[in-house]
């Protein structure tokens, strides 16, 4: 099993810049709002709607 690909194209980078997102950028990227503290229904083990694990909010 080969882990290296010899024919893979190589890219040259001179630098990478990482910075914190501004509050405005975070609001721009946000999709939904958690409105309930519930996580999972204890009977069905499915995420509660509008809760911390809601698939509609987090995908």
Protein backbone atom coordinates (compact mmCIF):
# COMPACT_ATOMS: atom_id res chain seq x y z
CA UNK A 1 0.00 0.00 0.00
CA UNK A 2 1.56 3.28 -1.10
CA UNK A 3 0.99 6.37 0.98
CA UNK A 4 2.83 8.76 -1.31
CA UNK A 5 1.81 9.79 -4.76
CA UNK A 6 4.86 10.63 -6.79
CA UNK A 7 2.81 12.16 -9.63
CA UNK A 8 0.82 14.53 -7.42
CA UNK A 9 1.20 18.20 -8.38
CA UNK A 10 3.25 20.22 -5.93
CA UNK A 11 2.33 23.72 -4.88
CA UNK A 12 4.72 26.31 -3.57
CA UNK A 13 3.56 28.60 -0.78
CA UNK A 14 5.50 31.51 0.58
CA UNK A 15 3.24 32.07 3.60
CA UNK A 16 -0.12 31.37 5.22
CA UNK A 17 -1.93 33.98 7.30
CA UNK A 18 -4.43 32.96 9.99
CA UNK A 19 -6.43 35.56 11.90
CA UNK A 20 -9.45 35.82 14.15
CA UNK A 21 -12.84 36.59 12.63
CA UNK A 22 -14.46 39.88 13.54
CA UNK A 23 -17.86 39.89 15.31
CA UNK A 24 -19.45 41.15 12.09
CA UNK A 25 -17.94 38.29 10.07
CA UNK A 26 -19.16 35.73 12.64
CA UNK A 27 -22.72 37.09 12.42
CA UNK A 28 -22.48 37.06 8.63
CA UNK A 29 -21.49 33.37 8.61
CA UNK A 30 -24.05 32.29 11.23
CA UNK A 31 -27.01 30.25 10.06
CA UNK A 32 -29.37 29.65 13.00
CA UNK A 33 -29.95 30.20 16.68
CA UNK A 34 -30.15 27.68 19.51
CA UNK A 35 -33.28 28.57 21.47
CA UNK A 36 -33.67 25.51 23.72
CA UNK A 37 -31.14 23.97 26.12
CA UNK A 38 -32.27 20.40 25.31
CA UNK A 39 -29.92 18.13 23.41
CA UNK A 40 -31.36 14.67 22.68
CA UNK A 41 -34.77 13.10 23.33
CA UNK A 42 -34.11 10.38 25.91
CA UNK A 43 -36.79 8.06 24.46
CA UNK A 44 -35.96 8.27 20.76
CA UNK A 45 -32.31 9.39 20.96
CA UNK A 46 -33.05 11.97 18.26
CA UNK A 47 -31.92 15.61 18.46
CA UNK A 48 -34.46 18.06 19.85
CA UNK A 49 -35.65 20.74 17.41
CA UNK A 50 -33.99 24.14 18.08
CA UNK A 51 -31.70 22.47 20.64
CA UNK A 52 -27.95 22.08 20.87
CA UNK A 53 -27.84 19.20 18.35
CA UNK A 54 -30.58 20.41 15.97
CA UNK A 55 -29.81 19.24 12.44
CA UNK A 56 -31.72 22.19 10.96
CA UNK A 57 -29.30 24.62 12.62
CA UNK A 58 -26.02 22.70 12.41
CA UNK A 59 -26.61 20.45 9.40
